[in-house]
Amino acid sequence: MRDIKLGNFEELVLLLVGVLYHQAYSVKIVEEYQKQTGKKINISAIHTVLYRLEEKGFLESRLSESTGERGGKRKRLFYLTPYASKALDELTTLREQLRYQIPAQALNWKKG
């Protein structure tokens, strides 16, 4: 686990890439982010994170075939790597382990 360095936003983008699977390109990721979180995000923020995750080995990308719907432009599709799968599994396990160690009283916080 020590060698996995992921910020919260990076983890969220990895999850979105997984959810979108064969349709994980920047515009779709922005749309899915807004759908899932109810928050808006700038496409340049998504681009930055996608390329950073690719550099770290969590994602691979390929250009799609050209389509008529985008005037022949190809989309850069992103895919999870086995390293991303391992990281997401480990992070989920760690979060669950920590969450279930929190005593019930700590979650029933009362002011004052």
N, C-alpha and C. Protein backbone atom coordinates (compact mmCIF):
# COMPACT_ATOMS: atom_id res chain seq x y z
N MET A 1 0.82 -1.20 0.00
CA MET A 1 0.00 0.00 0.00
C MET A 1 0.86 1.26 0.00
N ARG A 2 2.03 1.18 0.58
CA ARG A 2 2.87 2.38 0.71
C ARG A 2 3.28 2.98 -0.63
N ASP A 3 3.39 2.15 -1.66
CA ASP A 3 3.85 2.66 -2.95
C ASP A 3 2.72 3.27 -3.78
N ILE A 4 1.48 3.16 -3.31
CA ILE A 4 0.35 3.71 -4.05
C ILE A 4 0.10 5.14 -3.57
N LYS A 5 0.32 6.08 -4.48
CA LYS A 5 0.12 7.49 -4.15
C LYS A 5 -1.00 8.04 -5.01
N LEU A 6 -2.16 8.19 -4.39
CA LEU A 6 -3.34 8.68 -5.09
C LEU A 6 -4.05 9.70 -4.21
N GLY A 7 -4.39 10.84 -4.79
CA GLY A 7 -5.22 11.80 -4.09
C GLY A 7 -6.68 11.40 -4.22
N ASN A 8 -7.54 12.03 -3.43
CA ASN A 8 -8.96 11.71 -3.48
C ASN A 8 -9.56 11.94 -4.86
N PHE A 9 -9.21 13.06 -5.48
CA PHE A 9 -9.75 13.37 -6.80
C PHE A 9 -9.23 12.37 -7.84
N GLU A 10 -7.97 11.99 -7.73
CA GLU A 10 -7.41 11.00 -8.64
C GLU A 10 -8.16 9.67 -8.49
N GLU A 11 -8.43 9.29 -7.25
CA GLU A 11 -9.16 8.04 -7.01
C GLU A 11 -10.56 8.12 -7.63
N LEU A 12 -11.22 9.25 -7.48
CA LEU A 12 -12.54 9.43 -8.05
C LEU A 12 -12.51 9.33 -9.58
N VAL A 13 -11.51 9.93 -10.19
CA VAL A 13 -11.39 9.85 -11.65
C VAL A 13 -11.13 8.41 -12.09
N LEU A 14 -10.31 7.68 -11.36
CA LEU A 14 -10.10 6.25 -11.68
C LEU A 14 -11.42 5.49 -11.63
N LEU A 15 -12.20 5.74 -10.60
CA LEU A 15 -13.49 5.07 -10.47
C LEU A 15 -14.41 5.42 -11.64
N LEU A 16 -14.41 6.67 -12.05
CA LEU A 16 -15.24 7.10 -13.18
C LEU A 16 -14.79 6.44 -14.48
N VAL A 17 -13.49 6.32 -14.67
CA VAL A 17 -12.97 5.63 -15.86
C VAL A 17 -13.46 4.19 -15.87
N GLY A 18 -13.43 3.55 -14.72
CA GLY A 18 -13.93 2.19 -14.62
C GLY A 18 -15.41 2.09 -14.90
N VAL A 19 -16.19 3.02 -14.37
CA VAL A 19 -17.64 3.03 -14.60
C VAL A 19 -17.95 3.19 -16.08
N LEU A 20 -17.22 4.07 -16.74
CA LEU A 20 -17.48 4.35 -18.16
C LEU A 20 -16.88 3.30 -19.10
N TYR A 21 -15.90 2.58 -18.64
CA TYR A 21 -15.23 1.50 -19.35
C TYR A 21 -14.85 1.89 -20.77
N HIS A 22 -15.53 1.41 -21.79
CA HIS A 22 -15.14 1.69 -23.18
C HIS A 22 -15.55 3.08 -23.68
N GLN A 23 -16.15 3.87 -22.81
CA GLN A 23 -16.55 5.22 -23.20
C GLN A 23 -15.85 6.27 -22.33
N ALA A 24 -14.74 5.92 -21.73
CA ALA A 24 -14.05 6.82 -20.81
C ALA A 24 -13.13 7.78 -21.57
N TYR A 25 -13.71 8.87 -22.04
CA TYR A 25 -12.93 9.96 -22.62
C TYR A 25 -13.33 11.22 -21.89
N SER A 26 -12.55 12.27 -22.01
CA SER A 26 -12.67 13.43 -21.13
C SER A 26 -14.07 14.02 -21.04
N VAL A 27 -14.75 14.22 -22.15
CA VAL A 27 -16.09 14.83 -22.11
C VAL A 27 -17.06 13.94 -21.35
N LYS A 28 -17.02 12.64 -21.61
CA LYS A 28 -17.90 11.70 -20.91
C LYS A 28 -17.57 11.65 -19.42
N ILE A 29 -16.30 11.74 -19.07
CA ILE A 29 -15.89 11.71 -17.67
C ILE A 29 -16.44 12.94 -16.96
N VAL A 30 -16.36 14.11 -17.60
CA VAL A 30 -16.93 15.33 -17.02
C VAL A 30 -18.43 15.15 -16.79
N GLU A 31 -19.13 14.63 -17.79
CA GLU A 31 -20.58 14.42 -17.67
C GLU A 31 -20.90 13.45 -16.53
N GLU A 32 -20.15 12.37 -16.45
CA GLU A 32 -20.40 11.36 -15.41
C GLU A 32 -20.07 11.93 -14.03
N TYR A 33 -19.01 12.72 -13.93
CA TYR A 33 -18.65 13.37 -12.67
C TYR A 33 -19.82 14.24 -12.20
N GLN A 34 -20.36 15.05 -13.10
CA GLN A 34 -21.47 15.94 -12.75
C GLN A 34 -22.71 15.14 -12.36
N LYS A 35 -22.96 14.06 -13.09
CA LYS A 35 -24.11 13.20 -12.79
C LYS A 35 -23.97 12.55 -11.42
N GLN A 36 -22.79 12.02 -11.12
CA GLN A 36 -22.58 11.27 -9.88
C GLN A 36 -22.45 12.17 -8.65
N THR A 37 -21.84 13.35 -8.81
CA THR A 37 -21.57 14.21 -7.65
C THR A 37 -22.51 15.41 -7.54
N GLY A 38 -23.15 15.77 -8.65
CA GLY A 38 -23.98 16.97 -8.65
C GLY A 38 -23.16 18.25 -8.71
N LYS A 39 -21.87 18.13 -8.97
CA LYS A 39 -20.97 19.28 -9.02
C LYS A 39 -20.43 19.46 -10.43
N LYS A 40 -20.15 20.70 -10.77
CA LYS A 40 -19.53 20.98 -12.07
C LYS A 40 -18.02 20.90 -11.95
N ILE A 41 -17.39 20.58 -13.06
CA ILE A 41 -15.93 20.53 -13.10
C ILE A 41 -15.45 20.97 -14.47
N ASN A 42 -14.31 21.58 -14.48
CA ASN A 42 -13.71 22.06 -15.72
C ASN A 42 -13.02 20.90 -16.43
N ILE A 43 -13.20 20.82 -17.73
CA ILE A 43 -12.61 19.72 -18.50
C ILE A 43 -11.08 19.73 -18.41
N SER A 44 -10.47 20.90 -18.25
CA SER A 44 -9.01 20.94 -18.15
C SER A 44 -8.53 20.27 -16.86
N ALA A 45 -9.34 20.32 -15.81
CA ALA A 45 -8.98 19.62 -14.56
C ALA A 45 -8.97 18.11 -14.80
N ILE A 46 -9.95 17.63 -15.56
CA ILE A 46 -10.01 16.20 -15.89
C ILE A 46 -8.83 15.81 -16.76
N HIS A 47 -8.51 16.63 -17.78
CA HIS A 47 -7.35 16.33 -18.63
C HIS A 47 -6.08 16.21 -17.80
N THR A 48 -5.87 17.17 -16.92
CA THR A 48 -4.67 17.17 -16.07
C THR A 48 -4.56 15.87 -15.28
N VAL A 49 -5.65 15.47 -14.65
CA VAL A 49 -5.63 14.27 -13.82
C VAL A 49 -5.47 13.01 -14.67
N LEU A 50 -6.16 12.95 -15.80
CA LEU A 50 -6.03 11.77 -16.66
C LEU A 50 -4.59 11.54 -17.09
N TYR A 51 -3.93 12.60 -17.53
CA TYR A 51 -2.54 12.44 -17.99
C TYR A 51 -1.59 12.15 -16.84
N ARG A 52 -1.87 12.73 -15.67
CA ARG A 52 -1.04 12.43 -14.50
C ARG A 52 -1.21 10.96 -14.10
N LEU A 53 -2.44 10.46 -14.12
CA LEU A 53 -2.69 9.06 -13.79
C LEU A 53 -2.06 8.12 -14.81
N GLU A 54 -2.03 8.54 -16.05
CA GLU A 54 -1.36 7.74 -17.08
C GLU A 54 0.14 7.70 -16.82
N GLU A 55 0.72 8.83 -16.46
CA GLU A 55 2.16 8.87 -16.14
C GLU A 55 2.50 7.99 -14.95
N LYS A 56 1.61 7.93 -13.98
CA LYS A 56 1.84 7.12 -12.78
C LYS A 56 1.60 5.63 -13.02
N GLY A 57 1.04 5.27 -14.18
CA GLY A 57 0.81 3.87 -14.50
C GLY A 57 -0.56 3.34 -14.14
N PHE A 58 -1.48 4.21 -13.72
CA PHE A 58 -2.82 3.78 -13.35
C PHE A 58 -3.75 3.66 -14.56
N LEU A 59 -3.44 4.39 -15.63
CA LEU A 59 -4.27 4.39 -16.82
C LEU A 59 -3.44 4.16 -18.07
N GLU A 60 -4.08 3.62 -19.08
CA GLU A 60 -3.53 3.56 -20.43
C GLU A 60 -4.53 4.26 -21.32
N SER A 61 -4.06 4.81 -22.43
CA SER A 61 -5.00 5.45 -23.35
C SER A 61 -4.73 5.03 -24.77
N ARG A 62 -5.78 5.09 -25.56
CA ARG A 62 -5.70 4.78 -27.00
C ARG A 62 -6.64 5.72 -27.73
N LEU A 63 -6.32 5.99 -28.98
CA LEU A 63 -7.23 6.78 -29.80
C LEU A 63 -8.28 5.85 -30.39
N SER A 64 -9.52 6.32 -30.37
CA SER A 64 -10.62 5.53 -30.94
C SER A 64 -10.62 5.69 -32.45
N GLU A 65 -11.47 4.94 -33.09
CA GLU A 65 -11.67 5.12 -34.52
C GLU A 65 -12.41 6.44 -34.74
N SER A 66 -12.20 7.05 -35.88
CA SER A 66 -12.92 8.29 -36.16
C SER A 66 -14.39 8.00 -36.41
N THR A 67 -15.22 8.96 -36.02
CA THR A 67 -16.66 8.80 -36.20
C THR A 67 -17.22 10.03 -36.89
N GLY A 68 -18.34 9.87 -37.54
CA GLY A 68 -18.98 10.98 -38.21
C GLY A 68 -19.57 12.00 -37.25
N GLU A 69 -19.91 11.55 -36.04
CA GLU A 69 -20.58 12.44 -35.09
C GLU A 69 -19.68 13.56 -34.60
N ARG A 70 -18.39 13.40 -34.65
CA ARG A 70 -17.48 14.44 -34.18
C ARG A 70 -16.68 15.02 -35.34
N GLY A 71 -17.21 14.94 -36.52
CA GLY A 71 -16.50 15.47 -37.68
C GLY A 71 -15.23 14.72 -37.99
N GLY A 72 -15.20 13.44 -37.64
CA GLY A 72 -14.05 12.61 -37.95
C GLY A 72 -12.97 12.62 -36.87
N LYS A 73 -13.15 13.45 -35.83
CA LYS A 73 -12.14 13.49 -34.76
C LYS A 73 -12.17 12.21 -33.94
N ARG A 74 -11.00 11.77 -33.59
CA ARG A 74 -10.87 10.57 -32.76
C ARG A 74 -10.84 10.97 -31.29
N LYS A 75 -11.38 10.13 -30.44
CA LYS A 75 -11.39 10.37 -29.00
C LYS A 75 -10.23 9.62 -28.36
N ARG A 76 -9.64 10.21 -27.34
CA ARG A 76 -8.65 9.49 -26.54
C ARG A 76 -9.39 8.78 -25.42
N LEU A 77 -9.42 7.46 -25.50
CA LEU A 77 -10.11 6.63 -24.50
C LEU A 77 -9.11 6.17 -23.44
N PHE A 78 -9.57 6.17 -22.21
CA PHE A 78 -8.72 5.78 -21.09
C PHE A 78 -9.22 4.48 -20.48
N TYR A 79 -8.28 3.64 -20.07
CA TYR A 79 -8.58 2.33 -19.49
C TYR A 79 -7.77 2.13 -18.22
N LEU A 80 -8.38 1.44 -17.26
CA LEU A 80 -7.67 1.10 -16.02
C LEU A 80 -6.60 0.05 -16.31
N THR A 81 -5.47 0.18 -15.64
CA THR A 81 -4.43 -0.83 -15.72
C THR A 81 -4.59 -1.80 -14.55
N PRO A 82 -3.91 -2.93 -14.58
CA PRO A 82 -3.93 -3.83 -13.42
C PRO A 82 -3.45 -3.12 -12.14
N TYR A 83 -2.51 -2.21 -12.27
CA TYR A 83 -2.03 -1.43 -11.12
C TYR A 83 -3.16 -0.60 -10.52
N ALA A 84 -4.01 -0.02 -11.36
CA ALA A 84 -5.16 0.76 -10.88
C ALA A 84 -6.13 -0.15 -10.14
N SER A 85 -6.37 -1.32 -10.68
CA SER A 85 -7.27 -2.27 -10.02
C SER A 85 -6.76 -2.64 -8.64
N LYS A 86 -5.47 -2.92 -8.56
CA LYS A 86 -4.84 -3.26 -7.27
C LYS A 86 -4.96 -2.09 -6.30
N ALA A 87 -4.68 -0.90 -6.78
CA ALA A 87 -4.73 0.30 -5.93
C ALA A 87 -6.15 0.53 -5.41
N LEU A 88 -7.15 0.43 -6.29
CA LEU A 88 -8.53 0.64 -5.86
C LEU A 88 -8.96 -0.41 -4.85
N ASP A 89 -8.56 -1.65 -5.07
CA ASP A 89 -8.88 -2.72 -4.11
C ASP A 89 -8.26 -2.44 -2.75
N GLU A 90 -6.98 -2.07 -2.75
CA GLU A 90 -6.29 -1.81 -1.49
C GLU A 90 -6.86 -0.60 -0.77
N LEU A 91 -7.17 0.45 -1.50
CA LEU A 91 -7.75 1.65 -0.88
C LEU A 91 -9.13 1.37 -0.31
N THR A 92 -9.93 0.59 -1.03
CA THR A 92 -11.26 0.23 -0.54
C THR A 92 -11.16 -0.59 0.74
N THR A 93 -10.26 -1.56 0.75
CA THR A 93 -10.06 -2.40 1.93
C THR A 93 -9.61 -1.56 3.12
N LEU A 94 -8.64 -0.69 2.90
CA LEU A 94 -8.15 0.16 3.98
C LEU A 94 -9.25 1.06 4.53
N ARG A 95 -10.01 1.69 3.65
CA ARG A 95 -11.10 2.57 4.09
C ARG A 95 -12.13 1.79 4.90
N GLU A 96 -12.48 0.60 4.44
CA GLU A 96 -13.46 -0.22 5.16
C GLU A 96 -12.93 -0.63 6.53
N GLN A 97 -11.66 -1.04 6.58
CA GLN A 97 -11.06 -1.44 7.86
C GLN A 97 -11.08 -0.28 8.85
N LEU A 98 -10.71 0.89 8.39
CA LEU A 98 -10.70 2.06 9.27
C LEU A 98 -12.11 2.46 9.68
N ARG A 99 -13.03 2.46 8.73
CA ARG A 99 -14.41 2.85 9.01
C ARG A 99 -15.02 1.98 10.09
N TYR A 100 -14.80 0.68 10.04
CA TYR A 100 -15.41 -0.22 11.01
C TYR A 100 -14.70 -0.24 12.36
N GLN A 101 -13.58 0.46 12.47
CA GLN A 101 -12.91 0.61 13.76
C GLN A 101 -13.42 1.83 14.52
N ILE A 102 -14.18 2.68 13.88
CA ILE A 102 -14.70 3.88 14.53
C ILE A 102 -15.82 3.46 15.48
N PRO A 103 -15.68 3.80 16.76
CA PRO A 103 -16.75 3.45 17.70
C PRO A 103 -18.03 4.21 17.37
N ALA A 104 -19.16 3.58 17.64
CA ALA A 104 -20.46 4.19 17.33
C ALA A 104 -20.60 5.56 18.00
N GLN A 105 -20.06 5.70 19.20
CA GLN A 105 -20.16 6.97 19.92
C GLN A 105 -19.48 8.10 19.15
N ALA A 106 -18.42 7.77 18.44
CA ALA A 106 -17.70 8.80 17.69
C ALA A 106 -18.52 9.31 16.52
N LEU A 107 -19.47 8.51 16.06
CA LEU A 107 -20.32 8.91 14.94
C LEU A 107 -21.60 9.61 15.39
N ASN A 108 -21.87 9.55 16.68
CA ASN A 108 -23.06 10.21 17.24
C ASN A 108 -22.68 11.49 17.94
N TRP A 109 -21.97 12.32 17.24
CA TRP A 109 -21.46 13.56 17.80
C TRP A 109 -22.59 14.51 18.12
N LYS A 110 -22.52 15.07 19.33
CA LYS A 110 -23.52 16.04 19.75
C LYS A 110 -22.80 17.30 20.19
N LYS A 111 -23.29 18.41 19.72
CA LYS A 111 -22.70 19.69 20.05
C LYS A 111 -22.91 19.98 21.52
N GLY A 112 -21.85 20.36 22.18
CA GLY A 112 -21.88 20.88 23.42
C GLY A 112 -21.93 20.52 24.72
